[in-house]
N, C-alpha and C. Protein backbone atom coordinates (compact mmCIF):
# COMPACT_ATOMS: atom_id res chain seq x y z
N MET A 1 25.42 30.94 42.43
CA MET A 1 25.07 30.88 41.19
C MET A 1 25.76 29.80 40.32
N PRO A 2 27.00 30.24 40.34
CA PRO A 2 27.84 29.15 39.33
C PRO A 2 27.70 27.91 39.79
N ARG A 3 27.71 27.59 41.21
CA ARG A 3 27.63 26.25 41.53
C ARG A 3 26.23 25.59 40.93
N ILE A 4 25.03 26.36 40.70
CA ILE A 4 23.75 25.74 40.18
C ILE A 4 23.99 25.55 38.80
N VAL A 5 24.59 26.46 38.13
CA VAL A 5 24.90 26.22 36.79
C VAL A 5 25.62 25.16 36.47
N THR A 6 26.53 24.80 37.27
CA THR A 6 27.54 23.73 37.02
C THR A 6 26.75 22.40 37.42
N LEU A 7 26.02 22.21 38.35
CA LEU A 7 25.01 21.29 38.81
C LEU A 7 24.28 21.15 37.56
N LEU A 8 23.58 22.07 37.24
CA LEU A 8 22.53 21.77 35.84
C LEU A 8 23.20 21.31 34.64
N LEU A 9 24.25 21.76 34.62
CA LEU A 9 25.00 21.28 33.21
C LEU A 9 25.47 19.79 33.26
N THR A 10 25.88 19.44 34.61
CA THR A 10 26.34 18.08 34.93
C THR A 10 25.03 17.29 34.82
N VAL A 11 23.98 17.47 35.14
CA VAL A 11 22.90 16.61 35.11
C VAL A 11 22.19 16.71 33.54
N LEU A 12 22.34 17.71 32.81
CA LEU A 12 22.04 17.63 31.62
C LEU A 12 22.99 16.63 30.57
N ILE A 13 24.11 16.93 30.87
CA ILE A 13 25.14 16.19 30.14
C ILE A 13 25.04 14.29 30.58
N ALA A 14 24.62 14.30 31.76
CA ALA A 14 24.44 12.93 32.29
C ALA A 14 23.26 12.31 31.61
N LEU A 15 22.15 13.01 31.39
CA LEU A 15 21.11 12.67 30.84
C LEU A 15 21.14 12.68 29.33
N ALA A 16 21.95 13.27 28.65
CA ALA A 16 22.13 13.31 27.23
C ALA A 16 21.87 11.97 26.60
N PRO A 17 22.59 11.10 26.81
CA PRO A 17 22.69 9.77 26.03
C PRO A 17 21.17 8.99 26.37
N LEU A 18 20.33 9.75 27.13
CA LEU A 18 18.88 8.88 27.22
C LEU A 18 17.97 9.66 26.52
N THR A 19 18.30 10.74 25.67
CA THR A 19 17.44 11.41 24.82
C THR A 19 16.87 10.58 23.76
N GLY A 20 15.77 10.45 23.51
CA GLY A 20 14.96 9.66 22.54
C GLY A 20 14.30 8.29 23.22
N CYS A 21 15.03 8.09 24.28
CA CYS A 21 14.74 6.55 24.98
C CYS A 21 13.15 6.67 25.48
N THR A 22 12.68 7.89 25.67
CA THR A 22 11.11 7.79 26.05
C THR A 22 10.15 8.22 25.17
N SER A 23 10.61 8.44 23.85
CA SER A 23 9.68 8.64 22.96
C SER A 23 8.99 7.45 22.46
N GLU A 24 7.68 7.76 21.98
CA GLU A 24 7.00 6.46 21.38
C GLU A 24 7.40 5.88 20.35
N SER A 25 7.41 4.72 20.26
CA SER A 25 7.86 4.12 18.77
C SER A 25 6.54 4.12 17.88
N GLU A 26 6.64 3.81 16.77
CA GLU A 26 5.60 4.05 15.74
C GLU A 26 4.69 2.69 16.10
N GLU A 27 3.67 2.81 16.14
CA GLU A 27 2.65 1.73 16.40
C GLU A 27 2.47 0.99 15.10
N VAL A 28 2.35 -0.46 15.20
CA VAL A 28 2.29 -1.32 14.01
C VAL A 28 0.94 -1.83 14.29
N ILE A 29 0.29 -1.67 12.96
CA ILE A 29 -1.24 -2.12 12.85
C ILE A 29 -1.39 -3.28 12.27
N ALA A 30 -1.94 -4.22 13.00
CA ALA A 30 -2.50 -5.43 12.53
C ALA A 30 -3.74 -5.20 11.36
N LEU A 31 -3.48 -5.78 10.36
CA LEU A 31 -4.67 -5.91 9.45
C LEU A 31 -5.82 -6.47 9.99
N PRO A 32 -7.20 -6.10 9.75
CA PRO A 32 -8.28 -7.03 10.40
C PRO A 32 -8.40 -8.10 9.47
N GLU A 33 -9.08 -9.19 9.86
CA GLU A 33 -9.46 -10.24 9.03
C GLU A 33 -10.28 -9.79 7.74
N TYR A 34 -10.03 -10.12 6.50
CA TYR A 34 -10.74 -9.70 5.33
C TYR A 34 -11.17 -10.68 4.45
N ASN A 35 -12.16 -10.60 3.83
CA ASN A 35 -12.87 -11.51 2.78
C ASN A 35 -13.06 -10.60 1.55
N LEU A 36 -12.44 -10.94 0.51
CA LEU A 36 -12.81 -10.09 -0.79
C LEU A 36 -13.14 -11.05 -1.77
N LEU A 37 -13.73 -10.65 -2.90
CA LEU A 37 -14.08 -11.44 -4.08
C LEU A 37 -13.09 -11.21 -5.33
N ASP A 38 -12.72 -12.10 -6.01
CA ASP A 38 -11.95 -11.71 -7.19
C ASP A 38 -12.88 -11.90 -8.27
N HIS A 39 -12.22 -11.73 -9.58
CA HIS A 39 -12.98 -11.63 -10.86
C HIS A 39 -13.85 -12.93 -11.06
N THR A 40 -13.65 -14.16 -10.41
CA THR A 40 -14.45 -15.23 -10.61
C THR A 40 -15.28 -15.57 -9.52
N ASN A 41 -15.54 -14.53 -8.58
CA ASN A 41 -16.37 -14.43 -7.33
C ASN A 41 -15.59 -15.51 -6.31
N SER A 42 -14.33 -15.90 -6.28
CA SER A 42 -13.99 -16.76 -5.38
C SER A 42 -13.31 -15.88 -4.41
N THR A 43 -13.28 -16.45 -2.92
CA THR A 43 -13.14 -15.43 -1.92
C THR A 43 -11.34 -15.30 -1.93
N VAL A 44 -11.08 -14.05 -1.35
CA VAL A 44 -9.70 -13.88 -1.03
C VAL A 44 -9.66 -13.60 0.21
N GLU A 45 -8.75 -14.10 1.16
CA GLU A 45 -8.56 -13.77 2.56
C GLU A 45 -7.27 -13.45 2.92
N LYS A 46 -7.27 -12.79 4.13
CA LYS A 46 -6.13 -12.34 5.02
C LYS A 46 -5.15 -13.47 4.88
N GLU A 47 -5.54 -14.63 5.08
CA GLU A 47 -4.73 -15.93 5.56
C GLU A 47 -4.02 -16.27 4.31
N ASP A 48 -4.54 -16.18 3.06
CA ASP A 48 -4.08 -16.44 1.68
C ASP A 48 -2.50 -15.70 1.68
N TYR A 49 -2.38 -14.68 2.21
CA TYR A 49 -1.04 -14.01 2.15
C TYR A 49 -0.17 -13.98 3.33
N LEU A 50 -0.58 -14.64 4.36
CA LEU A 50 0.48 -14.61 5.44
C LEU A 50 1.71 -15.50 5.15
N GLY A 51 2.66 -15.00 5.82
CA GLY A 51 3.99 -15.79 5.46
C GLY A 51 4.94 -15.07 4.59
N ALA A 52 4.58 -14.13 3.82
CA ALA A 52 5.39 -13.22 3.17
C ALA A 52 4.89 -11.84 2.91
N PRO A 53 5.58 -10.91 2.66
CA PRO A 53 5.04 -9.55 2.55
C PRO A 53 4.55 -9.32 1.38
N TYR A 54 3.43 -8.37 1.04
CA TYR A 54 2.75 -7.89 -0.01
C TYR A 54 2.03 -6.72 0.16
N VAL A 55 1.38 -6.20 -0.93
CA VAL A 55 1.08 -4.83 -1.03
C VAL A 55 -0.67 -4.99 -1.39
N ILE A 56 -1.13 -3.99 -0.88
CA ILE A 56 -2.81 -3.84 -1.14
C ILE A 56 -2.69 -2.75 -1.78
N ILE A 57 -3.46 -2.47 -2.87
CA ILE A 57 -3.64 -1.21 -3.71
C ILE A 57 -5.10 -0.95 -3.65
N PHE A 58 -5.84 0.05 -2.91
CA PHE A 58 -7.20 0.31 -2.87
C PHE A 58 -7.51 1.09 -4.11
N SER A 59 -8.23 0.68 -4.99
CA SER A 59 -8.48 1.22 -6.44
C SER A 59 -10.05 1.37 -6.69
N ALA A 60 -10.36 1.38 -8.02
CA ALA A 60 -11.68 1.12 -8.25
C ALA A 60 -11.51 1.01 -10.14
N GLN A 61 -12.74 0.49 -10.37
CA GLN A 61 -12.89 0.40 -11.85
C GLN A 61 -12.65 1.59 -12.74
N TRP A 62 -13.32 2.93 -12.04
CA TRP A 62 -13.51 3.97 -12.56
C TRP A 62 -12.12 4.95 -12.31
N CYS A 63 -11.38 4.56 -11.45
CA CYS A 63 -10.01 5.40 -11.12
C CYS A 63 -9.14 5.00 -12.21
N GLY A 64 -8.63 6.15 -12.89
CA GLY A 64 -8.02 5.95 -14.22
C GLY A 64 -6.58 6.24 -13.74
N THR A 65 -5.72 7.28 -14.38
CA THR A 65 -4.41 7.40 -14.56
C THR A 65 -3.59 7.17 -13.10
N PRO A 66 -4.29 7.84 -11.96
CA PRO A 66 -3.48 7.80 -10.76
C PRO A 66 -3.47 6.60 -10.28
N CYS A 67 -4.62 5.84 -10.25
CA CYS A 67 -4.24 4.29 -9.90
C CYS A 67 -3.65 3.63 -10.61
N HIS A 68 -3.93 3.51 -12.14
CA HIS A 68 -3.07 2.71 -12.96
C HIS A 68 -1.67 2.96 -12.94
N ASN A 69 -1.17 4.33 -12.73
CA ASN A 69 -0.02 4.63 -12.70
C ASN A 69 0.93 4.00 -11.50
N ASN A 70 0.06 4.04 -10.32
CA ASN A 70 0.64 3.44 -9.20
C ASN A 70 0.83 1.97 -9.59
N MET A 71 -0.05 1.50 -9.91
CA MET A 71 0.03 -0.07 -10.27
C MET A 71 1.48 -0.28 -10.99
N HIS A 72 1.55 0.47 -12.30
CA HIS A 72 2.58 0.20 -12.91
C HIS A 72 4.00 0.63 -12.34
N ASN A 73 3.87 1.61 -11.72
CA ASN A 73 5.34 1.96 -10.95
C ASN A 73 5.50 0.89 -9.92
N LEU A 74 4.63 0.49 -9.25
CA LEU A 74 4.85 -0.73 -8.31
C LEU A 74 5.69 -1.82 -8.82
N ASN A 75 5.07 -2.36 -10.08
CA ASN A 75 5.62 -3.30 -10.84
C ASN A 75 6.76 -2.98 -11.35
N ALA A 76 7.19 -1.80 -11.94
CA ALA A 76 8.51 -1.61 -12.35
C ALA A 76 9.54 -1.50 -11.21
N SER A 77 9.14 -1.07 -9.96
CA SER A 77 10.07 -0.69 -8.87
C SER A 77 10.20 -2.28 -8.19
N VAL A 78 9.22 -2.91 -8.01
CA VAL A 78 9.42 -4.26 -7.27
C VAL A 78 8.74 -5.23 -8.06
N PRO A 79 9.07 -5.64 -9.03
CA PRO A 79 8.45 -6.46 -9.88
C PRO A 79 8.58 -8.11 -9.32
N GLY A 80 7.16 -8.87 -9.43
CA GLY A 80 7.14 -10.08 -8.90
C GLY A 80 6.51 -10.20 -7.52
N ILE A 81 6.31 -9.21 -6.96
CA ILE A 81 5.73 -9.51 -5.47
C ILE A 81 4.39 -9.61 -5.54
N GLU A 82 3.71 -9.97 -4.28
CA GLU A 82 2.25 -10.37 -4.24
C GLU A 82 1.71 -9.06 -4.22
N VAL A 83 0.55 -8.70 -5.01
CA VAL A 83 -0.18 -7.54 -4.95
C VAL A 83 -1.64 -8.01 -4.80
N VAL A 84 -2.45 -7.18 -3.92
CA VAL A 84 -3.66 -7.34 -4.01
C VAL A 84 -4.48 -6.07 -4.32
N VAL A 85 -4.93 -5.99 -5.50
CA VAL A 85 -5.88 -4.76 -5.86
C VAL A 85 -7.27 -4.71 -5.48
N VAL A 86 -7.73 -4.00 -4.71
CA VAL A 86 -8.99 -3.91 -3.92
C VAL A 86 -9.74 -2.82 -4.64
N SER A 87 -10.85 -3.02 -5.35
CA SER A 87 -11.91 -2.21 -5.71
C SER A 87 -12.61 -1.69 -4.54
N THR A 88 -12.93 -0.46 -4.27
CA THR A 88 -13.74 -0.16 -3.27
C THR A 88 -15.18 -0.11 -3.63
N GLU A 89 -15.64 -0.70 -4.82
CA GLU A 89 -16.99 -0.64 -5.19
C GLU A 89 -17.41 -2.38 -4.91
N TYR A 90 -18.84 -2.30 -4.38
CA TYR A 90 -19.50 -3.59 -4.10
C TYR A 90 -19.74 -4.24 -5.68
N ASP A 91 -20.21 -3.64 -6.54
CA ASP A 91 -20.58 -4.07 -7.75
C ASP A 91 -19.62 -4.57 -8.51
N TYR A 92 -19.88 -5.82 -9.15
CA TYR A 92 -18.95 -6.58 -10.03
C TYR A 92 -18.70 -5.53 -11.30
N ALA A 93 -19.57 -4.63 -11.75
CA ALA A 93 -19.31 -3.82 -12.75
C ALA A 93 -19.98 -2.39 -12.63
N PRO A 94 -19.09 -1.73 -11.65
CA PRO A 94 -19.62 -0.34 -11.51
C PRO A 94 -19.50 0.41 -12.83
N GLN A 95 -20.50 1.48 -13.07
CA GLN A 95 -20.61 2.35 -14.41
C GLN A 95 -20.16 1.49 -15.53
N GLY A 96 -20.76 0.12 -15.49
CA GLY A 96 -20.43 -0.79 -16.47
C GLY A 96 -19.15 -1.32 -16.92
N VAL A 97 -18.17 -1.08 -16.09
CA VAL A 97 -16.98 -1.78 -16.30
C VAL A 97 -16.68 -3.13 -15.45
N SER A 98 -16.79 -4.23 -16.12
CA SER A 98 -16.60 -5.34 -15.38
C SER A 98 -15.16 -5.52 -14.60
N MET A 99 -14.86 -6.63 -13.63
CA MET A 99 -13.85 -6.65 -13.27
C MET A 99 -12.86 -7.06 -14.42
N LEU A 100 -13.32 -7.97 -15.23
CA LEU A 100 -12.13 -8.57 -16.35
C LEU A 100 -11.84 -7.29 -17.41
N GLU A 101 -12.84 -6.55 -17.54
CA GLU A 101 -12.40 -5.29 -18.40
C GLU A 101 -11.53 -4.49 -17.74
N TRP A 102 -11.83 -4.31 -16.32
CA TRP A 102 -10.84 -3.44 -15.75
C TRP A 102 -9.71 -3.98 -15.48
N ILE A 103 -9.18 -5.34 -15.52
CA ILE A 103 -7.95 -6.00 -15.58
C ILE A 103 -7.34 -5.52 -16.87
N ASP A 104 -8.00 -5.66 -18.02
CA ASP A 104 -7.42 -5.40 -19.25
C ASP A 104 -7.29 -4.03 -19.43
N ILE A 105 -7.95 -2.93 -18.90
CA ILE A 105 -7.69 -1.60 -19.15
C ILE A 105 -6.61 -1.37 -18.30
N VAL A 106 -6.25 -1.75 -17.09
CA VAL A 106 -4.96 -1.53 -16.41
C VAL A 106 -3.83 -2.10 -17.11
N ASN A 107 -3.96 -3.27 -17.51
CA ASN A 107 -2.76 -3.80 -18.42
C ASN A 107 -2.38 -3.17 -19.65
N GLU A 108 -3.31 -2.34 -20.24
CA GLU A 108 -3.20 -1.76 -21.40
C GLU A 108 -2.69 -0.43 -21.18
N PHE A 109 -2.71 0.20 -19.94
CA PHE A 109 -2.27 1.48 -19.62
C PHE A 109 -1.28 1.88 -19.86
N ASP A 110 -0.05 1.19 -19.81
CA ASP A 110 1.37 1.65 -20.19
C ASP A 110 1.52 1.13 -21.39
N ASP A 111 0.62 0.90 -22.47
CA ASP A 111 0.99 0.43 -23.88
C ASP A 111 0.92 1.58 -24.90
N ASP A 112 0.66 2.95 -24.48
CA ASP A 112 0.94 4.14 -25.19
C ASP A 112 2.17 4.44 -25.35
N GLY A 113 2.82 4.71 -26.78
CA GLY A 113 3.82 5.14 -27.01
C GLY A 113 5.07 4.29 -26.80
N ASP A 114 5.90 4.11 -25.78
CA ASP A 114 6.73 3.27 -25.73
C ASP A 114 6.44 1.83 -25.66
N ASP A 115 5.22 1.52 -25.37
CA ASP A 115 4.75 0.38 -25.29
C ASP A 115 5.84 -0.78 -24.53
N ILE A 116 5.94 -0.50 -23.22
CA ILE A 116 6.63 -1.35 -22.35
C ILE A 116 5.89 -2.49 -21.96
N GLY A 117 4.54 -2.54 -22.18
CA GLY A 117 3.65 -3.73 -22.22
C GLY A 117 3.85 -4.35 -20.82
N GLN A 118 3.85 -3.93 -19.84
CA GLN A 118 3.69 -4.76 -18.51
C GLN A 118 2.36 -5.40 -18.55
N THR A 119 2.49 -6.64 -18.15
CA THR A 119 1.11 -7.45 -17.55
C THR A 119 1.31 -7.54 -16.20
N LEU A 120 0.31 -7.12 -15.38
CA LEU A 120 0.29 -7.04 -13.98
C LEU A 120 -0.20 -8.46 -13.57
N GLU A 121 0.61 -9.13 -12.87
CA GLU A 121 0.33 -10.46 -12.25
C GLU A 121 -0.49 -10.45 -11.00
N TYR A 122 -1.16 -9.16 -10.63
CA TYR A 122 -1.86 -9.00 -9.54
C TYR A 122 -3.11 -9.68 -9.20
N THR A 123 -3.50 -9.72 -8.08
CA THR A 123 -4.87 -10.46 -7.83
C THR A 123 -5.91 -9.19 -7.76
N PHE A 124 -6.95 -9.04 -8.52
CA PHE A 124 -7.68 -8.07 -8.73
C PHE A 124 -9.26 -8.47 -7.81
N THR A 125 -9.73 -7.71 -6.94
CA THR A 125 -10.59 -8.07 -6.07
C THR A 125 -11.56 -6.85 -5.85
N ARG A 126 -12.65 -7.05 -5.20
CA ARG A 126 -13.61 -6.20 -4.72
C ARG A 126 -13.99 -6.28 -3.39
N VAL A 127 -14.46 -5.52 -2.70
CA VAL A 127 -14.98 -5.44 -1.25
C VAL A 127 -16.48 -6.23 -1.46
N ILE A 128 -16.72 -6.86 -0.20
CA ILE A 128 -18.20 -7.38 -0.09
C ILE A 128 -18.77 -6.61 0.68
N GLU A 129 -20.17 -6.32 0.23
CA GLU A 129 -21.11 -5.46 0.87
C GLU A 129 -21.45 -6.00 2.28
N GLY A 130 -21.23 -5.20 3.21
CA GLY A 130 -21.53 -5.72 4.69
C GLY A 130 -20.11 -6.27 5.37
N ASP A 131 -18.93 -6.35 4.67
CA ASP A 131 -17.71 -6.69 5.07
C ASP A 131 -16.64 -5.83 4.50
N ASP A 132 -16.91 -4.30 4.87
CA ASP A 132 -16.13 -3.48 4.27
C ASP A 132 -14.60 -3.33 4.68
N PHE A 133 -14.09 -3.97 3.82
CA PHE A 133 -12.29 -3.89 4.37
C PHE A 133 -11.83 -2.54 4.11
N ALA A 134 -12.13 -1.99 3.18
CA ALA A 134 -11.61 -0.42 2.92
C ALA A 134 -12.10 0.32 4.14
N GLU A 135 -13.11 0.34 4.67
CA GLU A 135 -13.72 1.18 5.86
C GLU A 135 -13.00 0.94 7.08
N GLN A 136 -12.65 -0.65 7.08
CA GLN A 136 -12.12 -1.15 8.32
C GLN A 136 -10.69 -0.56 8.31
N MET A 137 -10.01 -0.53 7.27
CA MET A 137 -8.79 0.08 7.00
C MET A 137 -8.55 1.64 7.09
N ASP A 138 -9.73 2.31 7.16
CA ASP A 138 -9.72 3.79 7.08
C ASP A 138 -9.16 4.40 5.79
N VAL A 139 -9.65 3.53 4.65
CA VAL A 139 -9.61 4.07 3.31
C VAL A 139 -10.85 4.56 2.62
N PHE A 140 -10.74 5.74 2.41
CA PHE A 140 -11.91 6.53 1.94
C PHE A 140 -11.81 6.97 0.48
N ALA A 141 -10.68 6.57 -0.21
CA ALA A 141 -10.46 7.22 -1.67
C ALA A 141 -9.68 6.19 -2.03
N PRO A 142 -9.85 5.74 -3.55
CA PRO A 142 -8.82 4.91 -4.23
C PRO A 142 -7.51 5.73 -4.44
N GLY A 143 -6.66 4.79 -4.44
CA GLY A 143 -5.19 5.51 -4.72
C GLY A 143 -4.48 5.31 -3.41
N THR A 144 -5.00 4.43 -2.47
CA THR A 144 -4.21 4.33 -1.13
C THR A 144 -3.26 2.89 -1.26
N VAL A 145 -2.15 2.82 -0.96
CA VAL A 145 -1.38 1.91 -1.20
C VAL A 145 -0.84 1.29 0.36
N ILE A 146 -0.91 -0.05 0.51
CA ILE A 146 -0.48 -0.23 1.82
C ILE A 146 0.42 -1.45 1.93
N PHE A 147 1.69 -1.38 2.39
CA PHE A 147 2.76 -2.13 2.26
C PHE A 147 2.67 -3.06 3.66
N VAL A 148 2.36 -4.42 3.46
CA VAL A 148 2.16 -5.29 4.44
C VAL A 148 3.36 -6.39 4.61
N ASN A 149 3.52 -6.56 5.93
CA ASN A 149 4.68 -7.54 6.34
C ASN A 149 4.14 -8.95 6.50
N SER A 150 4.95 -9.99 6.58
CA SER A 150 4.67 -11.36 6.56
C SER A 150 3.73 -11.76 7.65
N VAL A 151 3.52 -11.01 8.53
CA VAL A 151 2.60 -11.53 9.69
C VAL A 151 1.46 -10.72 9.48
N GLY A 152 1.16 -9.86 8.32
CA GLY A 152 -0.32 -9.34 8.55
C GLY A 152 -0.17 -7.87 8.93
N GLU A 153 0.85 -7.19 9.12
CA GLU A 153 0.95 -5.70 9.65
C GLU A 153 1.25 -4.76 8.79
N GLU A 154 0.30 -3.64 8.83
CA GLU A 154 0.67 -2.69 8.02
C GLU A 154 1.81 -1.98 8.37
N ILE A 155 2.87 -1.90 7.44
CA ILE A 155 4.15 -1.26 7.72
C ILE A 155 4.20 0.26 7.22
N GLN A 156 3.59 0.42 5.95
CA GLN A 156 3.73 1.77 5.35
C GLN A 156 2.37 2.03 4.66
N ARG A 157 1.80 3.24 4.48
CA ARG A 157 0.79 3.45 3.78
C ARG A 157 1.09 4.79 2.97
N HIS A 158 0.57 4.88 1.75
CA HIS A 158 0.97 5.98 0.75
C HIS A 158 -0.48 6.14 0.20
N GLU A 159 -0.96 7.50 0.41
CA GLU A 159 -2.29 7.99 -0.34
C GLU A 159 -1.81 8.85 -1.39
N GLY A 160 -2.57 8.64 -2.62
CA GLY A 160 -2.48 9.23 -3.75
C GLY A 160 -1.24 8.81 -4.72
N SER A 161 -1.08 9.55 -5.58
CA SER A 161 0.01 9.11 -6.69
C SER A 161 1.43 9.13 -6.22
N PHE A 162 1.92 7.95 -6.50
CA PHE A 162 3.38 7.66 -5.91
C PHE A 162 4.45 8.93 -6.58
N GLY A 163 4.01 9.30 -7.98
CA GLY A 163 4.67 10.11 -8.90
C GLY A 163 4.57 10.01 -10.41
N PRO A 164 5.46 10.50 -11.10
CA PRO A 164 5.42 10.31 -12.50
C PRO A 164 5.85 8.90 -12.70
N ALA A 165 5.14 8.36 -13.97
CA ALA A 165 5.31 7.06 -14.52
C ALA A 165 6.71 6.81 -14.81
N GLY A 166 7.68 5.84 -14.36
CA GLY A 166 8.84 5.41 -14.48
C GLY A 166 9.98 6.34 -14.01
N ASP A 167 9.48 7.31 -12.99
CA ASP A 167 10.51 8.28 -12.81
C ASP A 167 11.31 7.56 -11.60
N GLU A 168 12.70 8.02 -11.70
CA GLU A 168 13.58 7.30 -10.78
C GLU A 168 13.25 7.68 -9.22
N ASP A 169 12.99 8.64 -9.00
CA ASP A 169 12.61 9.04 -7.48
C ASP A 169 11.42 8.16 -7.14
N THR A 170 10.52 8.25 -7.98
CA THR A 170 9.41 7.59 -7.78
C THR A 170 9.57 6.07 -7.47
N LEU A 171 10.26 5.59 -8.25
CA LEU A 171 10.66 4.14 -8.19
C LEU A 171 11.57 3.77 -6.86
N ALA A 172 12.22 4.80 -6.56
CA ALA A 172 13.20 4.56 -5.36
C ALA A 172 12.38 4.74 -4.13
N LEU A 173 11.42 5.55 -4.16
CA LEU A 173 10.44 5.80 -2.93
C LEU A 173 9.75 4.50 -2.80
N ILE A 174 9.22 3.77 -3.84
CA ILE A 174 8.27 2.51 -3.65
C ILE A 174 9.32 1.47 -3.35
N GLN A 175 10.70 1.53 -3.60
CA GLN A 175 11.57 0.38 -3.34
C GLN A 175 11.71 0.60 -1.75
N GLU A 176 11.78 1.76 -1.29
CA GLU A 176 12.16 2.10 0.31
C GLU A 176 10.93 1.60 0.89
N TYR A 177 9.93 2.01 0.31
CA TYR A 177 8.65 1.36 1.21
C TYR A 177 8.66 0.00 1.49
N TRP A 178 8.93 -0.63 0.29
CA TRP A 178 9.03 -2.20 0.09
C TRP A 178 9.98 -2.77 1.16
N ASN A 179 11.22 -2.06 1.11
CA ASN A 179 12.30 -2.76 1.75
C ASN A 179 11.92 -2.68 3.45
N GLN A 180 10.71 -1.94 3.72
CA GLN A 180 10.60 -1.68 5.27
C GLN A 180 9.63 -2.94 5.54
N THR A 181 9.18 -3.65 4.78
CA THR A 181 8.34 -4.69 4.99
C THR A 181 9.05 -6.19 5.55
N ASP A 182 10.39 -5.99 5.20
CA ASP A 182 11.29 -7.23 5.59
C ASP A 182 11.35 -7.28 7.32
């Protein structure tokens, strides 16, 4: 019996360095080709962003604080990056809010109280009926943020609010996600 235990321990010790070698690595998901419309009805395509990492925020004109908060936290954490905001609505003005009004509302969101006054230099778009990019990406609710590397692959996905506006932990989480796109 002691001989079997010794043999078993020897085998286990010999195989210990291999632990983890057989586990599956995270699958990288290539974004599908997409065509979106901006506020001037110009087409925005995946190819427009290849060559540098960027972020896609799925939102909607009617999505208030959670979506606006995510946009401003993203800008505070990693300013100056390329961001495509995608309305999950086909209509140019769902619930009477046009895309231009939406952009103004989002930019004014952080102007209460401390008036930090961020102007988001993001590309605001909407999905095209029949070419539903949100559905292709398995996004069924506003507030989904996708971090994309320079070759158009999804590196990180966050659903819902990042956290409180300007919170240090929230900004650090966003920075961590962004750093994974390199």
